[in-house]
Amino acid sequence: MSLLLRQIARYVAQKAASDPEAREKALKVAQGVVEEAKQITKEDDWAYAAGKAFRRAMKK
């Protein structure tokens, strides 16, 4: 499983490095992930907060 995730991450990084539009999208996604992580760490129950963040992401 981790090998597949590593390959996906490598592919995304290569695409972002070669395409300015993809780089901009990757930056926006990364900023969104950071904001969600900050929000999760502020909560007392991290598992519940992570579940809420996952549900929000799946609705988009």
PDB file of N, CA and C in Angstrom:
ATOM      1  N   MET A   1       0.824  -1.198   0.000  1.00  0.00           N
ATOM      2  CA  MET A   1       0.000   0.000   0.000  1.00  0.00           C
ATOM      3  C   MET A   1       0.864   1.257   0.000  1.00  0.00           C
ATOM      4  N   SER A   2       1.902   1.253   0.851  1.00  0.00           N
ATOM      5  CA  SER A   2       2.736   2.453   0.933  1.00  0.00           C
ATOM      6  C   SER A   2       3.512   2.678  -0.362  1.00  0.00           C
ATOM      7  N   LEU A   3       3.853   1.591  -1.064  1.00  0.00           N
ATOM      8  CA  LEU A   3       4.550   1.733  -2.342  1.00  0.00           C
ATOM      9  C   LEU A   3       3.655   2.449  -3.351  1.00  0.00           C
ATOM     10  N   LEU A   4       2.383   2.097  -3.371  1.00  0.00           N
ATOM     11  CA  LEU A   4       1.438   2.744  -4.272  1.00  0.00           C
ATOM     12  C   LEU A   4       1.288   4.224  -3.937  1.00  0.00           C
ATOM     13  N   LEU A   5       1.170   4.538  -2.655  1.00  0.00           N
ATOM     14  CA  LEU A   5       1.053   5.934  -2.239  1.00  0.00           C
ATOM     15  C   LEU A   5       2.314   6.720  -2.597  1.00  0.00           C
ATOM     16  N   ARG A   6       3.474   6.087  -2.438  1.00  0.00           N
ATOM     17  CA  ARG A   6       4.724   6.742  -2.798  1.00  0.00           C
ATOM     18  C   ARG A   6       4.785   7.038  -4.295  1.00  0.00           C
ATOM     19  N   GLN A   7       4.333   6.092  -5.100  1.00  0.00           N
ATOM     20  CA  GLN A   7       4.326   6.291  -6.545  1.00  0.00           C
ATOM     21  C   GLN A   7       3.359   7.405  -6.941  1.00  0.00           C
ATOM     22  N   ILE A   8       2.205   7.445  -6.298  1.00  0.00           N
ATOM     23  CA  ILE A   8       1.236   8.508  -6.573  1.00  0.00           C
ATOM     24  C   ILE A   8       1.820   9.861  -6.183  1.00  0.00           C
ATOM     25  N   ALA A   9       2.456   9.929  -5.016  1.00  0.00           N
ATOM     26  CA  ALA A   9       3.051  11.185  -4.562  1.00  0.00           C
ATOM     27  C   ALA A   9       4.156  11.634  -5.517  1.00  0.00           C
ATOM     28  N   ARG A  10       4.957  10.698  -5.996  1.00  0.00           N
ATOM     29  CA  ARG A  10       6.026  11.035  -6.940  1.00  0.00           C
ATOM     30  C   ARG A  10       5.436  11.562  -8.241  1.00  0.00           C
ATOM     31  N   TYR A  11       4.386  10.936  -8.725  1.00  0.00           N
ATOM     32  CA  TYR A  11       3.734  11.372  -9.966  1.00  0.00           C
ATOM     33  C   TYR A  11       3.176  12.789  -9.815  1.00  0.00           C
ATOM     34  N   VAL A  12       2.504  13.041  -8.696  1.00  0.00           N
ATOM     35  CA  VAL A  12       1.933  14.360  -8.451  1.00  0.00           C
ATOM     36  C   VAL A  12       3.040  15.413  -8.372  1.00  0.00           C
ATOM     37  N   ALA A  13       4.129  15.084  -7.698  1.00  0.00           N
ATOM     38  CA  ALA A  13       5.242  16.033  -7.576  1.00  0.00           C
ATOM     39  C   ALA A  13       5.856  16.329  -8.942  1.00  0.00           C
ATOM     40  N   GLN A  14       6.007  15.318  -9.778  1.00  0.00           N
ATOM     41  CA  GLN A  14       6.563  15.525 -11.111  1.00  0.00           C
ATOM     42  C   GLN A  14       5.642  16.393 -11.957  1.00  0.00           C
ATOM     43  N   LYS A  15       4.343  16.131 -11.902  1.00  0.00           N
ATOM     44  CA  LYS A  15       3.378  16.933 -12.651  1.00  0.00           C
ATOM     45  C   LYS A  15       3.392  18.382 -12.176  1.00  0.00           C
ATOM     46  N   ALA A  16       3.419  18.570 -10.869  1.00  0.00           N
ATOM     47  CA  ALA A  16       3.415  19.925 -10.321  1.00  0.00           C
ATOM     48  C   ALA A  16       4.691  20.665 -10.701  1.00  0.00           C
ATOM     49  N   ALA A  17       5.799  19.969 -10.764  1.00  0.00           N
ATOM     50  CA  ALA A  17       7.060  20.617 -11.105  1.00  0.00           C
ATOM     51  C   ALA A  17       7.110  21.028 -12.568  1.00  0.00           C
ATOM     52  N   SER A  18       6.433  20.288 -13.430  1.00  0.00           N
ATOM     53  CA  SER A  18       6.548  20.550 -14.861  1.00  0.00           C
ATOM     54  C   SER A  18       5.439  21.442 -15.417  1.00  0.00           C
ATOM     55  N   ASP A  19       4.346  21.581 -14.702  1.00  0.00           N
ATOM     56  CA  ASP A  19       3.201  22.323 -15.221  1.00  0.00           C
ATOM     57  C   ASP A  19       2.807  23.436 -14.245  1.00  0.00           C
ATOM     58  N   PRO A  20       2.896  24.692 -14.679  1.00  0.00           N
ATOM     59  CA  PRO A  20       2.558  25.796 -13.761  1.00  0.00           C
ATOM     60  C   PRO A  20       1.124  25.731 -13.232  1.00  0.00           C
ATOM     61  N   GLU A  21       0.182  25.314 -14.056  1.00  0.00           N
ATOM     62  CA  GLU A  21      -1.209  25.221 -13.610  1.00  0.00           C
ATOM     63  C   GLU A  21      -1.363  24.131 -12.549  1.00  0.00           C
ATOM     64  N   ALA A  22      -0.722  22.996 -12.769  1.00  0.00           N
ATOM     65  CA  ALA A  22      -0.770  21.909 -11.792  1.00  0.00           C
ATOM     66  C   ALA A  22      -0.068  22.323 -10.505  1.00  0.00           C
ATOM     67  N   ARG A  23       1.010  23.090 -10.623  1.00  0.00           N
ATOM     68  CA  ARG A  23       1.735  23.570  -9.448  1.00  0.00           C
ATOM     69  C   ARG A  23       0.835  24.455  -8.596  1.00  0.00           C
ATOM     70  N   GLU A  24       0.057  25.315  -9.246  1.00  0.00           N
ATOM     71  CA  GLU A  24      -0.852  26.204  -8.523  1.00  0.00           C
ATOM     72  C   GLU A  24      -1.944  25.405  -7.809  1.00  0.00           C
ATOM     73  N   LYS A  25      -2.492  24.401  -8.497  1.00  0.00           N
ATOM     74  CA  LYS A  25      -3.525  23.564  -7.879  1.00  0.00           C
ATOM     75  C   LYS A  25      -2.958  22.788  -6.691  1.00  0.00           C
ATOM     76  N   ALA A  26      -1.741  22.256  -6.852  1.00  0.00           N
ATOM     77  CA  ALA A  26      -1.108  21.501  -5.771  1.00  0.00           C
ATOM     78  C   ALA A  26      -0.869  22.393  -4.557  1.00  0.00           C
ATOM     79  N   LEU A  27      -0.495  23.639  -4.801  1.00  0.00           N
ATOM     80  CA  LEU A  27      -0.280  24.583  -3.709  1.00  0.00           C
ATOM     81  C   LEU A  27      -1.577  24.840  -2.958  1.00  0.00           C
ATOM     82  N   LYS A  28      -2.676  25.026  -3.678  1.00  0.00           N
ATOM     83  CA  LYS A  28      -3.969  25.276  -3.036  1.00  0.00           C
ATOM     84  C   LYS A  28      -4.418  24.068  -2.216  1.00  0.00           C
ATOM     85  N   VAL A  29      -4.201  22.881  -2.756  1.00  0.00           N
ATOM     86  CA  VAL A  29      -4.571  21.659  -2.031  1.00  0.00           C
ATOM     87  C   VAL A  29      -3.734  21.536  -0.763  1.00  0.00           C
ATOM     88  N   ALA A  30      -2.432  21.788  -0.880  1.00  0.00           N
ATOM     89  CA  ALA A  30      -1.548  21.691   0.287  1.00  0.00           C
ATOM     90  C   ALA A  30      -1.946  22.696   1.358  1.00  0.00           C
ATOM     91  N   GLN A  31      -2.311  23.901   0.952  1.00  0.00           N
ATOM     92  CA  GLN A  31      -2.743  24.908   1.923  1.00  0.00           C
ATOM     93  C   GLN A  31      -4.031  24.472   2.615  1.00  0.00           C
ATOM     94  N   GLY A  32      -4.931  23.854   1.871  1.00  0.00           N
ATOM     95  CA  GLY A  32      -6.168  23.346   2.463  1.00  0.00           C
ATOM     96  C   GLY A  32      -5.897  22.236   3.466  1.00  0.00           C
ATOM     97  N   VAL A  33      -4.955  21.372   3.135  1.00  0.00           N
ATOM     98  CA  VAL A  33      -4.597  20.278   4.043  1.00  0.00           C
ATOM     99  C   VAL A  33      -4.007  20.834   5.331  1.00  0.00           C
ATOM    100  N   VAL A  34      -3.168  21.843   5.215  1.00  0.00           N
ATOM    101  CA  VAL A  34      -2.565  22.456   6.399  1.00  0.00           C
ATOM    102  C   VAL A  34      -3.645  23.085   7.278  1.00  0.00           C
ATOM    103  N   GLU A  35      -4.596  23.770   6.671  1.00  0.00           N
ATOM    104  CA  GLU A  35      -5.681  24.384   7.450  1.00  0.00           C
ATOM    105  C   GLU A  35      -6.506  23.320   8.174  1.00  0.00           C
ATOM    106  N   GLU A  36      -6.808  22.227   7.486  1.00  0.00           N
ATOM    107  CA  GLU A  36      -7.570  21.142   8.131  1.00  0.00           C
ATOM    108  C   GLU A  36      -6.771  20.541   9.278  1.00  0.00           C
ATOM    109  N   ALA A  37      -5.463  20.357   9.072  1.00  0.00           N
ATOM    110  CA  ALA A  37      -4.624  19.784  10.134  1.00  0.00           C
ATOM    111  C   ALA A  37      -4.589  20.697  11.346  1.00  0.00           C
ATOM    112  N   LYS A  38      -4.508  21.993  11.135  1.00  0.00           N
ATOM    113  CA  LYS A  38      -4.531  22.939  12.249  1.00  0.00           C
ATOM    114  C   LYS A  38      -5.851  22.851  13.003  1.00  0.00           C
ATOM    115  N   GLN A  39      -6.942  22.736  12.258  1.00  0.00           N
ATOM    116  CA  GLN A  39      -8.254  22.660  12.888  1.00  0.00           C
ATOM    117  C   GLN A  39      -8.399  21.361  13.685  1.00  0.00           C
ATOM    118  N   ILE A  40      -7.879  20.270  13.147  1.00  0.00           N
ATOM    119  CA  ILE A  40      -7.965  18.981  13.841  1.00  0.00           C
ATOM    120  C   ILE A  40      -7.187  19.017  15.145  1.00  0.00           C
ATOM    121  N   THR A  41      -5.984  19.604  15.121  1.00  0.00           N
ATOM    122  CA  THR A  41      -5.158  19.603  16.329  1.00  0.00           C
ATOM    123  C   THR A  41      -5.723  20.497  17.421  1.00  0.00           C
ATOM    124  N   LYS A  42      -6.584  21.445  17.084  1.00  0.00           N
ATOM    125  CA  LYS A  42      -7.199  22.308  18.091  1.00  0.00           C
ATOM    126  C   LYS A  42      -8.286  21.587  18.881  1.00  0.00           C
ATOM    127  N   GLU A  43      -8.853  20.540  18.308  1.00  0.00           N
ATOM    128  CA  GLU A  43      -9.953  19.812  18.945  1.00  0.00           C
ATOM    129  C   GLU A  43      -9.425  18.877  20.036  1.00  0.00           C
ATOM    130  N   ASP A  44     -10.278  18.592  21.021  1.00  0.00           N
ATOM    131  CA  ASP A  44      -9.914  17.648  22.078  1.00  0.00           C
ATOM    132  C   ASP A  44      -9.912  16.217  21.567  1.00  0.00           C
ATOM    133  N   ASP A  45     -10.904  15.871  20.765  1.00  0.00           N
ATOM    134  CA  ASP A  45     -11.018  14.512  20.223  1.00  0.00           C
ATOM    135  C   ASP A  45     -10.534  14.528  18.774  1.00  0.00           C
ATOM    136  N   TRP A  46      -9.271  14.163  18.567  1.00  0.00           N
ATOM    137  CA  TRP A  46      -8.664  14.232  17.241  1.00  0.00           C
ATOM    138  C   TRP A  46      -9.333  13.294  16.248  1.00  0.00           C
ATOM    139  N   ALA A  47      -9.729  12.117  16.705  1.00  0.00           N
ATOM    140  CA  ALA A  47     -10.350  11.149  15.802  1.00  0.00           C
ATOM    141  C   ALA A  47     -11.679  11.686  15.267  1.00  0.00           C
ATOM    142  N   TYR A  48     -12.464  12.277  16.130  1.00  0.00           N
ATOM    143  CA  TYR A  48     -13.744  12.854  15.712  1.00  0.00           C
ATOM    144  C   TYR A  48     -13.516  14.011  14.737  1.00  0.00           C
ATOM    145  N   ALA A  49     -12.555  14.878  15.058  1.00  0.00           N
ATOM    146  CA  ALA A  49     -12.250  16.021  14.196  1.00  0.00           C
ATOM    147  C   ALA A  49     -11.730  15.547  12.837  1.00  0.00           C
ATOM    148  N   ALA A  50     -10.916  14.507  12.828  1.00  0.00           N
ATOM    149  CA  ALA A  50     -10.398  13.978  11.565  1.00  0.00           C
ATOM    150  C   ALA A  50     -11.539  13.390  10.738  1.00  0.00           C
ATOM    151  N   GLY A  51     -12.477  12.735  11.385  1.00  0.00           N
ATOM    152  CA  GLY A  51     -13.638  12.192  10.686  1.00  0.00           C
ATOM    153  C   GLY A  51     -14.490  13.292  10.073  1.00  0.00           C
ATOM    154  N   LYS A  52     -14.675  14.364  10.813  1.00  0.00           N
ATOM    155  CA  LYS A  52     -15.436  15.499  10.282  1.00  0.00           C
ATOM    156  C   LYS A  52     -14.728  16.106   9.069  1.00  0.00           C
ATOM    157  N   ALA A  53     -13.415  16.250   9.160  1.00  0.00           N
ATOM    158  CA  ALA A  53     -12.638  16.812   8.049  1.00  0.00           C
ATOM    159  C   ALA A  53     -12.732  15.899   6.823  1.00  0.00           C
ATOM    160  N   PHE A  54     -12.684  14.596   7.055  1.00  0.00           N
ATOM    161  CA  PHE A  54     -12.791  13.640   5.953  1.00  0.00           C
ATOM    162  C   PHE A  54     -14.162  13.734   5.291  1.00  0.00           C
ATOM    163  N   ARG A  55     -15.207  13.834   6.095  1.00  0.00           N
ATOM    164  CA  ARG A  55     -16.559  13.955   5.536  1.00  0.00           C
ATOM    165  C   ARG A  55     -16.710  15.241   4.740  1.00  0.00           C
ATOM    166  N   ARG A  56     -16.136  16.334   5.253  1.00  0.00           N
ATOM    167  CA  ARG A  56     -16.182  17.599   4.498  1.00  0.00           C
ATOM    168  C   ARG A  56     -15.466  17.457   3.146  1.00  0.00           C
ATOM    169  N   ALA A  57     -14.337  16.793   3.166  1.00  0.00           N
ATOM    170  CA  ALA A  57     -13.563  16.621   1.926  1.00  0.00           C
ATOM    171  C   ALA A  57     -14.325  15.743   0.928  1.00  0.00           C
ATOM    172  N   MET A  58     -15.017  14.733   1.419  1.00  0.00           N
ATOM    173  CA  MET A  58     -15.737  13.830   0.530  1.00  0.00           C
ATOM    174  C   MET A  58     -16.974  14.508  -0.076  1.00  0.00           C
ATOM    175  N   LYS A  59     -17.540  15.479   0.625  1.00  0.00           N
ATOM    176  CA  LYS A  59     -18.713  16.184   0.101  1.00  0.00           C
ATOM    177  C   LYS A  59     -18.340  17.114  -1.026  1.00  0.00           C
ATOM    178  N   LYS A  60     -17.093  17.586  -1.060  1.00  0.00           N
ATOM    179  CA  LYS A  60     -16.636  18.491  -2.122  1.00  0.00           C
ATOM    180  C   LYS A  60     -16.414  17.694  -3.334  1.00  0.00           C
TER     181      LYS A  60
END
